[in-house]
Amino acid sequence: MEPLLPECYFHIYNRAIGNELLFREDKNYTFFIEKYKQYLTPIADTLAFCLMPNHFHLLICLKPQATIEAQLLSSAKGAKNYPAADCIEKRELFLSKYISKQFSNLFSSYTQAYNLIYNRRGSLFLKNFKRKPVEDDGYLIRLVNYIHRNPVNHGFVSQPQQWKYSSYNAIVSDQPTLIKRDEVLQWFDGLANFKYNHFYLLEL
């Protein structure tokens, strides 16, 4: 499985097991975002996201190693187990596992609350979330487009701005947001081109 490394871009996606739904009501989406902020914003910048009833897509860039290390070392367990500075490969592996654990914590925390509300048991997400490194600028643009047009492709809405649970409207607005808006708009050479590109789907 692809290691999650600092200062790298990744397309992260996962879905519910079987025919389950991840999100049944507005409050589910809101709660997931709250947990996302708790577990992932300390270690990753968010460029785009879309939450769908039974799956989600994220485009993130993991923060610099020093930032993630500081977060890791803030816990007694992390400080105790982190390899010595001269063990570079061991540190890289440990950091990758720590990053993956933050995702696991997000999914576990959300699932526990979800199960309590809807009187269900067991896992909600597929066990191994997918991660795909993004190394090409052209692919970044197509991926942002793909993520925001996911609700259109699945027939929920006719235009990306009509879906409440994605980063599209946060990017086109001037309101405070956790999305790295300026960086995304720079990829598209500005807001007007960003909007224009989202009227049609560029194939990945």
N, C-alpha and C. Protein backbone atom coordinates (compact mmCIF):
# COMPACT_ATOMS: atom_id res chain seq x y z
N MET A 1 0.84 -1.19 0.00
CA MET A 1 0.00 0.00 0.00
C MET A 1 0.88 1.25 0.00
N GLU A 2 0.48 2.26 -0.76
CA GLU A 2 1.27 3.48 -0.92
C GLU A 2 1.47 4.17 0.44
N PRO A 3 2.74 4.43 0.84
CA PRO A 3 2.96 5.13 2.12
C PRO A 3 2.52 6.58 2.05
N LEU A 4 1.98 7.07 3.14
CA LEU A 4 1.55 8.47 3.24
C LEU A 4 2.72 9.29 3.77
N LEU A 5 3.30 10.14 2.93
CA LEU A 5 4.52 10.85 3.27
C LEU A 5 4.29 12.36 3.32
N PRO A 6 5.04 13.05 4.19
CA PRO A 6 4.90 14.51 4.32
C PRO A 6 5.12 15.23 2.99
N GLU A 7 4.41 16.34 2.84
CA GLU A 7 4.52 17.25 1.69
C GLU A 7 4.19 16.58 0.36
N CYS A 8 3.36 15.55 0.40
CA CYS A 8 2.92 14.87 -0.82
C CYS A 8 1.41 15.02 -0.95
N TYR A 9 0.95 15.12 -2.20
CA TYR A 9 -0.48 15.20 -2.50
C TYR A 9 -1.04 13.80 -2.67
N PHE A 10 -2.27 13.62 -2.15
CA PHE A 10 -2.93 12.32 -2.26
C PHE A 10 -4.42 12.49 -2.54
N HIS A 11 -4.93 11.62 -3.39
CA HIS A 11 -6.37 11.45 -3.55
C HIS A 11 -6.76 10.33 -2.59
N ILE A 12 -7.58 10.67 -1.60
CA ILE A 12 -8.02 9.72 -0.59
C ILE A 12 -9.51 9.45 -0.82
N TYR A 13 -9.89 8.18 -0.83
CA TYR A 13 -11.31 7.89 -0.99
C TYR A 13 -11.66 6.58 -0.31
N ASN A 14 -12.92 6.49 0.08
CA ASN A 14 -13.42 5.29 0.75
C ASN A 14 -14.93 5.26 0.62
N ARG A 15 -15.51 4.13 0.96
CA ARG A 15 -16.96 3.98 0.85
C ARG A 15 -17.48 3.14 2.01
N ALA A 16 -18.79 3.11 2.13
CA ALA A 16 -19.43 2.29 3.15
C ALA A 16 -19.39 0.82 2.75
N ILE A 17 -19.44 -0.04 3.73
CA ILE A 17 -19.48 -1.47 3.45
C ILE A 17 -20.86 -1.85 2.90
N GLY A 18 -20.88 -2.82 1.99
CA GLY A 18 -22.14 -3.31 1.46
C GLY A 18 -23.03 -2.22 0.91
N ASN A 19 -24.29 -2.26 1.31
CA ASN A 19 -25.28 -1.27 0.87
C ASN A 19 -25.55 -0.20 1.92
N GLU A 20 -24.66 -0.08 2.89
CA GLU A 20 -24.83 0.91 3.95
C GLU A 20 -24.64 2.33 3.40
N LEU A 21 -25.14 3.29 4.14
CA LEU A 21 -24.91 4.70 3.87
C LEU A 21 -23.96 5.26 4.91
N LEU A 22 -23.05 6.12 4.48
CA LEU A 22 -22.19 6.84 5.43
C LEU A 22 -22.93 8.03 6.03
N PHE A 23 -23.81 8.63 5.23
CA PHE A 23 -24.49 9.85 5.64
C PHE A 23 -25.98 9.72 5.32
N ARG A 24 -26.80 9.83 6.34
CA ARG A 24 -28.25 9.72 6.16
C ARG A 24 -28.93 11.09 6.27
N GLU A 25 -28.33 11.99 7.06
CA GLU A 25 -28.94 13.28 7.34
C GLU A 25 -27.88 14.37 7.30
N ASP A 26 -28.34 15.62 7.24
CA ASP A 26 -27.41 16.75 7.22
C ASP A 26 -26.44 16.70 8.39
N LYS A 27 -26.95 16.32 9.57
CA LYS A 27 -26.11 16.33 10.75
C LYS A 27 -24.96 15.33 10.64
N ASN A 28 -25.13 14.28 9.86
CA ASN A 28 -24.05 13.30 9.66
C ASN A 28 -22.88 13.95 8.92
N TYR A 29 -23.18 14.68 7.86
CA TYR A 29 -22.14 15.36 7.09
C TYR A 29 -21.40 16.36 7.98
N THR A 30 -22.17 17.12 8.75
CA THR A 30 -21.57 18.12 9.64
C THR A 30 -20.67 17.48 10.67
N PHE A 31 -21.12 16.38 11.25
CA PHE A 31 -20.32 15.70 12.28
C PHE A 31 -19.04 15.13 11.69
N PHE A 32 -19.14 14.56 10.49
CA PHE A 32 -17.95 14.02 9.84
C PHE A 32 -16.91 15.13 9.63
N ILE A 33 -17.35 16.29 9.18
CA ILE A 33 -16.43 17.40 8.95
C ILE A 33 -15.80 17.85 10.26
N GLU A 34 -16.56 17.85 11.33
CA GLU A 34 -16.00 18.21 12.64
C GLU A 34 -14.90 17.22 13.04
N LYS A 35 -15.15 15.94 12.85
CA LYS A 35 -14.14 14.94 13.18
C LYS A 35 -12.94 15.03 12.22
N TYR A 36 -13.21 15.36 10.99
CA TYR A 36 -12.14 15.55 10.02
C TYR A 36 -11.20 16.67 10.49
N LYS A 37 -11.78 17.76 10.92
CA LYS A 37 -10.97 18.88 11.42
C LYS A 37 -10.14 18.44 12.63
N GLN A 38 -10.74 17.64 13.49
CA GLN A 38 -10.05 17.21 14.70
C GLN A 38 -8.85 16.34 14.40
N TYR A 39 -9.02 15.37 13.51
CA TYR A 39 -7.97 14.37 13.30
C TYR A 39 -7.04 14.66 12.13
N LEU A 40 -7.53 15.33 11.10
CA LEU A 40 -6.72 15.46 9.89
C LEU A 40 -6.15 16.85 9.64
N THR A 41 -6.86 17.91 10.01
CA THR A 41 -6.32 19.24 9.72
C THR A 41 -4.99 19.52 10.43
N PRO A 42 -4.68 18.89 11.58
CA PRO A 42 -3.35 19.12 12.16
C PRO A 42 -2.20 18.54 11.33
N ILE A 43 -2.50 17.59 10.43
CA ILE A 43 -1.42 16.93 9.68
C ILE A 43 -1.54 17.10 8.17
N ALA A 44 -2.65 17.67 7.70
CA ALA A 44 -2.86 17.76 6.25
C ALA A 44 -3.61 19.03 5.88
N ASP A 45 -3.25 19.59 4.72
CA ASP A 45 -4.01 20.68 4.12
C ASP A 45 -5.02 20.07 3.16
N THR A 46 -6.20 20.67 3.09
CA THR A 46 -7.26 20.16 2.24
C THR A 46 -7.42 21.05 1.02
N LEU A 47 -7.39 20.43 -0.16
CA LEU A 47 -7.54 21.16 -1.42
C LEU A 47 -8.93 20.99 -2.01
N ALA A 48 -9.53 19.85 -1.80
CA ALA A 48 -10.88 19.59 -2.31
C ALA A 48 -11.46 18.40 -1.58
N PHE A 49 -12.81 18.38 -1.48
CA PHE A 49 -13.47 17.21 -0.91
C PHE A 49 -14.89 17.12 -1.45
N CYS A 50 -15.44 15.94 -1.37
CA CYS A 50 -16.86 15.73 -1.66
C CYS A 50 -17.34 14.55 -0.83
N LEU A 51 -18.40 14.77 -0.08
CA LEU A 51 -19.01 13.73 0.72
C LEU A 51 -20.31 13.31 0.04
N MET A 52 -20.41 12.03 -0.28
CA MET A 52 -21.59 11.48 -0.94
C MET A 52 -22.28 10.52 0.03
N PRO A 53 -23.54 10.18 -0.22
CA PRO A 53 -24.25 9.34 0.75
C PRO A 53 -23.52 8.06 1.14
N ASN A 54 -22.83 7.40 0.19
CA ASN A 54 -22.18 6.13 0.53
C ASN A 54 -20.67 6.12 0.29
N HIS A 55 -20.08 7.28 -0.05
CA HIS A 55 -18.62 7.32 -0.24
C HIS A 55 -18.13 8.77 -0.16
N PHE A 56 -16.83 8.95 -0.19
CA PHE A 56 -16.27 10.30 -0.16
C PHE A 56 -14.97 10.34 -0.95
N HIS A 57 -14.59 11.56 -1.34
CA HIS A 57 -13.31 11.82 -2.01
C HIS A 57 -12.64 13.01 -1.32
N LEU A 58 -11.32 12.92 -1.14
CA LEU A 58 -10.53 14.02 -0.58
C LEU A 58 -9.30 14.24 -1.46
N LEU A 59 -8.91 15.48 -1.61
CA LEU A 59 -7.60 15.80 -2.16
C LEU A 59 -6.86 16.56 -1.08
N ILE A 60 -5.78 15.97 -0.58
CA ILE A 60 -5.03 16.57 0.52
C ILE A 60 -3.56 16.70 0.16
N CYS A 61 -2.89 17.57 0.88
CA CYS A 61 -1.43 17.62 0.84
C CYS A 61 -0.96 17.51 2.28
N LEU A 62 -0.20 16.48 2.57
CA LEU A 62 0.29 16.30 3.93
C LEU A 62 1.27 17.40 4.29
N LYS A 63 1.22 17.84 5.51
CA LYS A 63 2.04 18.96 5.96
C LYS A 63 3.51 18.57 6.08
N PRO A 64 4.40 19.54 6.24
CA PRO A 64 5.83 19.24 6.36
C PRO A 64 6.12 18.28 7.51
N GLN A 65 7.21 17.56 7.40
CA GLN A 65 7.55 16.55 8.40
C GLN A 65 7.64 17.15 9.79
N ALA A 66 8.23 18.33 9.92
CA ALA A 66 8.38 18.94 11.24
C ALA A 66 7.02 19.21 11.89
N THR A 67 6.04 19.61 11.09
CA THR A 67 4.70 19.88 11.61
C THR A 67 4.04 18.60 12.08
N ILE A 68 4.16 17.54 11.28
CA ILE A 68 3.55 16.27 11.66
C ILE A 68 4.27 15.67 12.87
N GLU A 69 5.59 15.81 12.90
CA GLU A 69 6.35 15.32 14.05
C GLU A 69 5.92 16.02 15.33
N ALA A 70 5.72 17.32 15.26
CA ALA A 70 5.30 18.08 16.44
C ALA A 70 3.96 17.57 16.96
N GLN A 71 3.05 17.26 16.03
CA GLN A 71 1.75 16.72 16.42
C GLN A 71 1.92 15.34 17.04
N LEU A 72 2.77 14.54 16.44
CA LEU A 72 3.03 13.18 16.94
C LEU A 72 3.64 13.24 18.35
N LEU A 73 4.61 14.11 18.53
CA LEU A 73 5.33 14.17 19.80
C LEU A 73 4.53 14.84 20.91
N SER A 74 3.38 15.41 20.56
CA SER A 74 2.55 16.05 21.58
C SER A 74 1.88 15.02 22.49
N SER A 75 1.87 13.76 22.04
CA SER A 75 1.33 12.69 22.89
C SER A 75 2.47 11.92 23.54
N ALA A 76 2.27 11.49 24.76
CA ALA A 76 3.31 10.77 25.49
C ALA A 76 3.69 9.49 24.76
N LYS A 77 2.70 8.78 24.22
CA LYS A 77 2.96 7.52 23.52
C LYS A 77 3.79 7.76 22.27
N GLY A 78 3.46 8.81 21.53
CA GLY A 78 4.20 9.13 20.32
C GLY A 78 5.64 9.51 20.62
N ALA A 79 5.82 10.34 21.65
CA ALA A 79 7.16 10.78 22.03
C ALA A 79 8.02 9.60 22.49
N LYS A 80 7.40 8.65 23.16
CA LYS A 80 8.14 7.50 23.69
C LYS A 80 8.59 6.55 22.57
N ASN A 81 7.75 6.38 21.56
CA ASN A 81 8.00 5.36 20.54
C ASN A 81 8.65 5.87 19.26
N TYR A 82 8.76 7.17 19.11
CA TYR A 82 9.31 7.71 17.86
C TYR A 82 10.79 7.36 17.74
N PRO A 83 11.22 6.78 16.62
CA PRO A 83 12.63 6.37 16.46
C PRO A 83 13.60 7.54 16.57
N ALA A 84 14.85 7.21 16.87
CA ALA A 84 15.90 8.23 17.00
C ALA A 84 16.12 8.94 15.67
N ALA A 85 16.68 10.15 15.74
CA ALA A 85 16.85 11.00 14.56
C ALA A 85 17.70 10.36 13.48
N ASP A 86 18.64 9.51 13.85
CA ASP A 86 19.52 8.89 12.86
C ASP A 86 18.89 7.67 12.17
N CYS A 87 17.70 7.28 12.62
CA CYS A 87 16.99 6.15 11.99
C CYS A 87 15.98 6.70 10.98
N ILE A 88 16.48 7.18 9.87
CA ILE A 88 15.65 7.90 8.91
C ILE A 88 14.53 7.03 8.34
N GLU A 89 14.88 5.82 7.91
CA GLU A 89 13.86 4.94 7.31
C GLU A 89 12.80 4.54 8.33
N LYS A 90 13.23 4.29 9.56
CA LYS A 90 12.29 3.92 10.61
C LYS A 90 11.36 5.09 10.93
N ARG A 91 11.92 6.31 10.93
CA ARG A 91 11.10 7.49 11.18
C ARG A 91 10.05 7.67 10.07
N GLU A 92 10.48 7.47 8.83
CA GLU A 92 9.56 7.62 7.70
C GLU A 92 8.41 6.63 7.81
N LEU A 93 8.73 5.39 8.15
CA LEU A 93 7.70 4.37 8.30
C LEU A 93 6.78 4.69 9.47
N PHE A 94 7.36 5.15 10.57
CA PHE A 94 6.58 5.48 11.76
C PHE A 94 5.62 6.63 11.46
N LEU A 95 6.12 7.65 10.75
CA LEU A 95 5.27 8.79 10.40
C LEU A 95 4.13 8.36 9.50
N SER A 96 4.43 7.50 8.52
CA SER A 96 3.40 7.02 7.61
C SER A 96 2.31 6.27 8.38
N LYS A 97 2.73 5.44 9.32
CA LYS A 97 1.75 4.70 10.13
C LYS A 97 0.95 5.65 11.02
N TYR A 98 1.61 6.68 11.53
CA TYR A 98 0.91 7.66 12.37
C TYR A 98 -0.16 8.39 11.55
N ILE A 99 0.19 8.78 10.32
CA ILE A 99 -0.77 9.46 9.45
C ILE A 99 -1.96 8.55 9.17
N SER A 100 -1.68 7.28 8.84
CA SER A 100 -2.76 6.33 8.58
C SER A 100 -3.64 6.15 9.82
N LYS A 101 -3.00 6.18 10.99
CA LYS A 101 -3.74 6.02 12.23
C LYS A 101 -4.71 7.19 12.45
N GLN A 102 -4.33 8.38 12.01
CA GLN A 102 -5.23 9.52 12.15
C GLN A 102 -6.48 9.31 11.31
N PHE A 103 -6.32 8.74 10.13
CA PHE A 103 -7.48 8.41 9.33
C PHE A 103 -8.33 7.35 10.03
N SER A 104 -7.69 6.34 10.57
CA SER A 104 -8.41 5.28 11.29
C SER A 104 -9.19 5.86 12.47
N ASN A 105 -8.56 6.80 13.17
CA ASN A 105 -9.23 7.44 14.31
C ASN A 105 -10.47 8.21 13.84
N LEU A 106 -10.35 8.89 12.70
CA LEU A 106 -11.49 9.61 12.13
C LEU A 106 -12.64 8.65 11.85
N PHE A 107 -12.34 7.57 11.14
CA PHE A 107 -13.39 6.62 10.75
C PHE A 107 -13.99 5.93 11.98
N SER A 108 -13.14 5.57 12.92
CA SER A 108 -13.62 4.88 14.12
C SER A 108 -14.50 5.79 14.97
N SER A 109 -14.06 7.03 15.16
CA SER A 109 -14.82 7.98 15.97
C SER A 109 -16.18 8.25 15.34
N TYR A 110 -16.18 8.44 14.02
CA TYR A 110 -17.44 8.71 13.33
C TYR A 110 -18.36 7.49 13.42
N THR A 111 -17.80 6.30 13.21
CA THR A 111 -18.61 5.07 13.22
C THR A 111 -19.24 4.84 14.58
N GLN A 112 -18.49 5.07 15.64
CA GLN A 112 -19.03 4.85 16.98
C GLN A 112 -20.25 5.74 17.23
N ALA A 113 -20.14 7.02 16.85
CA ALA A 113 -21.26 7.94 17.04
C ALA A 113 -22.44 7.56 16.14
N TYR A 114 -22.13 7.20 14.91
CA TYR A 114 -23.16 6.81 13.93
C TYR A 114 -23.91 5.57 14.42
N ASN A 115 -23.18 4.58 14.89
CA ASN A 115 -23.81 3.34 15.37
C ASN A 115 -24.71 3.61 16.57
N LEU A 116 -24.30 4.53 17.42
CA LEU A 116 -25.10 4.86 18.60
C LEU A 116 -26.40 5.52 18.18
N ILE A 117 -26.33 6.43 17.22
CA ILE A 117 -27.53 7.16 16.78
C ILE A 117 -28.51 6.23 16.08
N TYR A 118 -27.99 5.35 15.22
CA TYR A 118 -28.87 4.52 14.38
C TYR A 118 -28.99 3.08 14.85
N ASN A 119 -28.53 2.84 16.08
CA ASN A 119 -28.71 1.53 16.71
C ASN A 119 -28.19 0.39 15.82
N ARG A 120 -26.95 0.54 15.37
CA ARG A 120 -26.35 -0.50 14.55
C ARG A 120 -25.02 -0.93 15.18
N ARG A 121 -24.44 -1.99 14.64
CA ARG A 121 -23.17 -2.50 15.14
C ARG A 121 -22.18 -2.70 14.00
N GLY A 122 -20.92 -2.77 14.38
CA GLY A 122 -19.89 -3.16 13.42
C GLY A 122 -19.33 -2.02 12.59
N SER A 123 -18.49 -2.39 11.64
CA SER A 123 -17.79 -1.42 10.79
C SER A 123 -18.78 -0.72 9.89
N LEU A 124 -18.42 0.49 9.50
CA LEU A 124 -19.22 1.27 8.57
C LEU A 124 -18.45 1.52 7.27
N PHE A 125 -17.14 1.79 7.40
CA PHE A 125 -16.28 2.04 6.25
C PHE A 125 -15.57 0.75 5.83
N LEU A 126 -15.23 0.65 4.56
CA LEU A 126 -14.34 -0.42 4.13
C LEU A 126 -13.03 -0.33 4.90
N LYS A 127 -12.43 -1.45 5.20
CA LYS A 127 -11.28 -1.49 6.11
C LYS A 127 -10.10 -0.65 5.61
N ASN A 128 -9.71 -0.83 4.37
CA ASN A 128 -8.53 -0.14 3.84
C ASN A 128 -8.96 1.01 2.92
N PHE A 129 -8.78 2.24 3.40
CA PHE A 129 -9.13 3.37 2.56
C PHE A 129 -8.11 3.49 1.42
N LYS A 130 -8.55 3.98 0.28
CA LYS A 130 -7.71 4.09 -0.90
C LYS A 130 -6.93 5.39 -0.86
N ARG A 131 -5.68 5.31 -1.32
CA ARG A 131 -4.86 6.51 -1.43
C ARG A 131 -4.07 6.46 -2.72
N LYS A 132 -4.07 7.54 -3.47
CA LYS A 132 -3.38 7.58 -4.74
C LYS A 132 -2.54 8.85 -4.80
N PRO A 133 -1.22 8.73 -4.94
CA PRO A 133 -0.38 9.94 -4.99
C PRO A 133 -0.68 10.75 -6.25
N VAL A 134 -0.60 12.07 -6.09
CA VAL A 134 -0.87 12.99 -7.20
C VAL A 134 0.40 13.79 -7.43
N GLU A 135 1.02 13.59 -8.58
CA GLU A 135 2.34 14.19 -8.83
C GLU A 135 2.37 15.11 -10.03
N ASP A 136 1.27 15.17 -10.77
CA ASP A 136 1.23 15.94 -12.02
C ASP A 136 0.22 17.08 -11.89
N ASP A 137 0.62 18.30 -12.27
CA ASP A 137 -0.26 19.47 -12.13
C ASP A 137 -1.54 19.32 -12.94
N GLY A 138 -1.41 18.75 -14.15
CA GLY A 138 -2.59 18.54 -14.97
C GLY A 138 -3.57 17.60 -14.31
N TYR A 139 -3.04 16.57 -13.68
CA TYR A 139 -3.90 15.61 -12.98
C TYR A 139 -4.58 16.27 -11.78
N LEU A 140 -3.87 17.17 -11.09
CA LEU A 140 -4.47 17.88 -9.96
C LEU A 140 -5.73 18.62 -10.40
N ILE A 141 -5.65 19.31 -11.55
CA ILE A 141 -6.79 20.06 -12.06
C ILE A 141 -7.94 19.13 -12.39
N ARG A 142 -7.64 18.04 -13.08
CA ARG A 142 -8.69 17.09 -13.46
C ARG A 142 -9.32 16.44 -12.22
N LEU A 143 -8.48 16.20 -11.20
CA LEU A 143 -8.97 15.56 -9.99
C LEU A 143 -9.92 16.48 -9.22
N VAL A 144 -9.57 17.76 -9.10
CA VAL A 144 -10.46 18.72 -8.44
C VAL A 144 -11.80 18.75 -9.16
N ASN A 145 -11.75 18.81 -10.47
CA ASN A 145 -12.95 18.81 -11.30
C ASN A 145 -13.77 17.54 -11.05
N TYR A 146 -13.09 16.40 -11.05
CA TYR A 146 -13.76 15.11 -10.86
C TYR A 146 -14.43 15.04 -9.48
N ILE A 147 -13.72 15.48 -8.45
CA ILE A 147 -14.27 15.44 -7.09
C ILE A 147 -15.53 16.30 -6.99
N HIS A 148 -15.47 17.51 -7.51
CA HIS A 148 -16.61 18.42 -7.41
C HIS A 148 -17.78 18.00 -8.29
N ARG A 149 -17.49 17.28 -9.38
CA ARG A 149 -18.57 16.85 -10.27
C ARG A 149 -19.11 15.47 -9.91
N ASN A 150 -18.61 14.88 -8.85
CA ASN A 150 -19.09 13.55 -8.44
C ASN A 150 -20.60 13.50 -8.21
N PRO A 151 -21.19 14.48 -7.54
CA PRO A 151 -22.65 14.46 -7.35
C PRO A 151 -23.41 14.59 -8.67
N VAL A 152 -22.82 15.30 -9.64
CA VAL A 152 -23.43 15.42 -10.97
C VAL A 152 -23.38 14.06 -11.67
N ASN A 153 -22.23 13.43 -11.61
CA ASN A 153 -22.05 12.14 -12.28
C ASN A 153 -22.98 11.07 -11.72
N HIS A 154 -23.31 11.18 -10.43
CA HIS A 154 -24.19 10.19 -9.80
C HIS A 154 -25.66 10.60 -9.86
N GLY A 155 -25.95 11.74 -10.50
CA GLY A 155 -27.33 12.13 -10.72
C GLY A 155 -28.04 12.81 -9.56
N PHE A 156 -27.29 13.26 -8.57
CA PHE A 156 -27.92 13.94 -7.43
C PHE A 156 -28.26 15.39 -7.75
N VAL A 157 -27.44 16.05 -8.56
CA VAL A 157 -27.64 17.45 -8.95
C VAL A 157 -27.23 17.61 -10.40
N SER A 158 -27.51 18.79 -10.96
CA SER A 158 -27.13 19.03 -12.35
C SER A 158 -25.88 19.89 -12.47
N GLN A 159 -25.51 20.60 -11.38
CA GLN A 159 -24.31 21.43 -11.38
C GLN A 159 -23.59 21.28 -10.03
N PRO A 160 -22.26 21.37 -10.00
CA PRO A 160 -21.51 21.16 -8.75
C PRO A 160 -21.93 22.08 -7.61
N GLN A 161 -22.29 23.33 -7.91
CA GLN A 161 -22.63 24.28 -6.86
C GLN A 161 -23.92 23.93 -6.12
N GLN A 162 -24.70 22.99 -6.67
CA GLN A 162 -25.97 22.61 -6.04
C GLN A 162 -25.78 21.58 -4.92
N TRP A 163 -24.58 21.00 -4.84
CA TRP A 163 -24.32 19.98 -3.80
C TRP A 163 -23.68 20.66 -2.59
N LYS A 164 -24.31 20.51 -1.44
CA LYS A 164 -23.87 21.24 -0.25
C LYS A 164 -22.62 20.65 0.39
N TYR A 165 -22.33 19.39 0.10
CA TYR A 165 -21.32 18.68 0.87
C TYR A 165 -20.02 18.47 0.09
N SER A 166 -19.60 19.53 -0.59
CA SER A 166 -18.30 19.51 -1.26
C SER A 166 -17.62 20.85 -1.03
N SER A 167 -16.39 20.95 -1.50
CA SER A 167 -15.62 22.18 -1.31
C SER A 167 -15.85 23.20 -2.41
N TYR A 168 -16.68 22.87 -3.40
CA TYR A 168 -16.86 23.79 -4.54
C TYR A 168 -17.29 25.18 -4.09
N ASN A 169 -18.36 25.26 -3.31
CA ASN A 169 -18.88 26.57 -2.91
C ASN A 169 -17.92 27.32 -1.98
N ALA A 170 -17.15 26.59 -1.19
CA ALA A 170 -16.15 27.24 -0.34
C ALA A 170 -15.06 27.89 -1.18
N ILE A 171 -14.73 27.27 -2.30
CA ILE A 171 -13.67 27.80 -3.17
C ILE A 171 -14.15 29.02 -3.94
N VAL A 172 -15.40 29.04 -4.39
CA VAL A 172 -15.88 30.17 -5.18
C VAL A 172 -16.33 31.34 -4.31
N SER A 173 -16.43 31.13 -3.00
CA SER A 173 -16.84 32.21 -2.10
C SER A 173 -15.62 32.93 -1.55
N ASP A 174 -15.88 33.97 -0.74
CA ASP A 174 -14.78 34.66 -0.07
C ASP A 174 -14.86 34.50 1.44
N GLN A 175 -15.62 33.50 1.88
CA GLN A 175 -15.78 33.23 3.30
C GLN A 175 -14.62 32.40 3.84
N PRO A 176 -14.33 32.50 5.15
CA PRO A 176 -13.26 31.68 5.73
C PRO A 176 -13.53 30.19 5.50
N THR A 177 -12.47 29.44 5.22
CA THR A 177 -12.62 28.02 4.91
C THR A 177 -11.34 27.27 5.25
N LEU A 178 -11.47 25.97 5.52
CA LEU A 178 -10.28 25.15 5.75
C LEU A 178 -9.61 24.76 4.44
N ILE A 179 -10.29 25.00 3.31
CA ILE A 179 -9.75 24.66 2.00
C ILE A 179 -8.63 25.64 1.63
N LYS A 180 -7.58 25.14 1.01
CA LYS A 180 -6.49 25.99 0.52
C LYS A 180 -6.94 26.64 -0.80
N ARG A 181 -7.86 27.59 -0.65
CA ARG A 181 -8.54 28.18 -1.80
C ARG A 181 -7.58 28.83 -2.79
N ASP A 182 -6.66 29.63 -2.30
CA ASP A 182 -5.76 30.36 -3.19
C ASP A 182 -4.91 29.42 -4.03
N GLU A 183 -4.45 28.34 -3.42
CA GLU A 183 -3.63 27.38 -4.16
C GLU A 183 -4.43 26.71 -5.27
N VAL A 184 -5.67 26.32 -4.95
CA VAL A 184 -6.51 25.67 -5.96
C VAL A 184 -6.80 26.62 -7.12
N LEU A 185 -7.18 27.86 -6.80
CA LEU A 185 -7.50 28.81 -7.86
C LEU A 185 -6.27 29.13 -8.72
N GLN A 186 -5.11 29.08 -8.10
CA GLN A 186 -3.89 29.30 -8.88
C GLN A 186 -3.70 28.20 -9.92
N TRP A 187 -4.04 26.96 -9.57
CA TRP A 187 -3.93 25.86 -10.54
C TRP A 187 -4.80 26.12 -11.77
N PHE A 188 -5.97 26.74 -11.53
CA PHE A 188 -6.92 26.99 -12.61
C PHE A 188 -6.74 28.38 -13.26
N ASP A 189 -5.72 29.11 -12.85
CA ASP A 189 -5.48 30.47 -13.36
C ASP A 189 -6.64 31.40 -13.06
N GLY A 190 -7.21 31.25 -11.86
CA GLY A 190 -8.21 32.21 -11.40
C GLY A 190 -9.61 31.63 -11.28
N LEU A 191 -10.46 32.41 -10.62
CA LEU A 191 -11.82 31.97 -10.30
C LEU A 191 -12.68 31.74 -11.55
N ALA A 192 -12.58 32.64 -12.51
CA ALA A 192 -13.41 32.52 -13.71
C ALA A 192 -13.11 31.21 -14.44
N ASN A 193 -11.85 30.88 -14.56
CA ASN A 193 -11.48 29.65 -15.25
C ASN A 193 -11.86 28.41 -14.43
N PHE A 194 -11.78 28.54 -13.10
CA PHE A 194 -12.21 27.46 -12.22
C PHE A 194 -13.68 27.14 -12.47
N LYS A 195 -14.53 28.17 -12.50
CA LYS A 195 -15.96 27.96 -12.73
C LYS A 195 -16.20 27.38 -14.12
N TYR A 196 -15.52 27.92 -15.11
CA TYR A 196 -15.70 27.46 -16.49
C TYR A 196 -15.36 25.98 -16.62
N ASN A 197 -14.25 25.58 -16.01
CA ASN A 197 -13.82 24.18 -16.10
C ASN A 197 -14.80 23.21 -15.45
N HIS A 198 -15.58 23.69 -14.49
CA HIS A 198 -16.50 22.80 -13.79
C HIS A 198 -17.83 22.62 -14.52
N PHE A 199 -18.00 23.24 -15.67
CA PHE A 199 -19.21 23.02 -16.43
C PHE A 199 -19.15 21.71 -17.21
N TYR A 200 -17.98 21.13 -17.31
CA TYR A 200 -17.84 19.85 -17.99
C TYR A 200 -16.78 19.03 -17.29
N LEU A 201 -16.84 17.74 -17.46
CA LEU A 201 -15.92 16.82 -16.77
C LEU A 201 -14.70 16.53 -17.64
N LEU A 202 -13.53 16.82 -17.12
CA LEU A 202 -12.29 16.41 -17.78
C LEU A 202 -11.96 15.00 -17.33
N GLU A 203 -11.77 14.11 -18.26
CA GLU A 203 -11.52 12.72 -17.91
C GLU A 203 -10.21 12.57 -17.15
N LEU A 204 -10.21 11.72 -16.12
CA LEU A 204 -8.99 11.46 -15.36
C LEU A 204 -8.09 10.50 -16.14
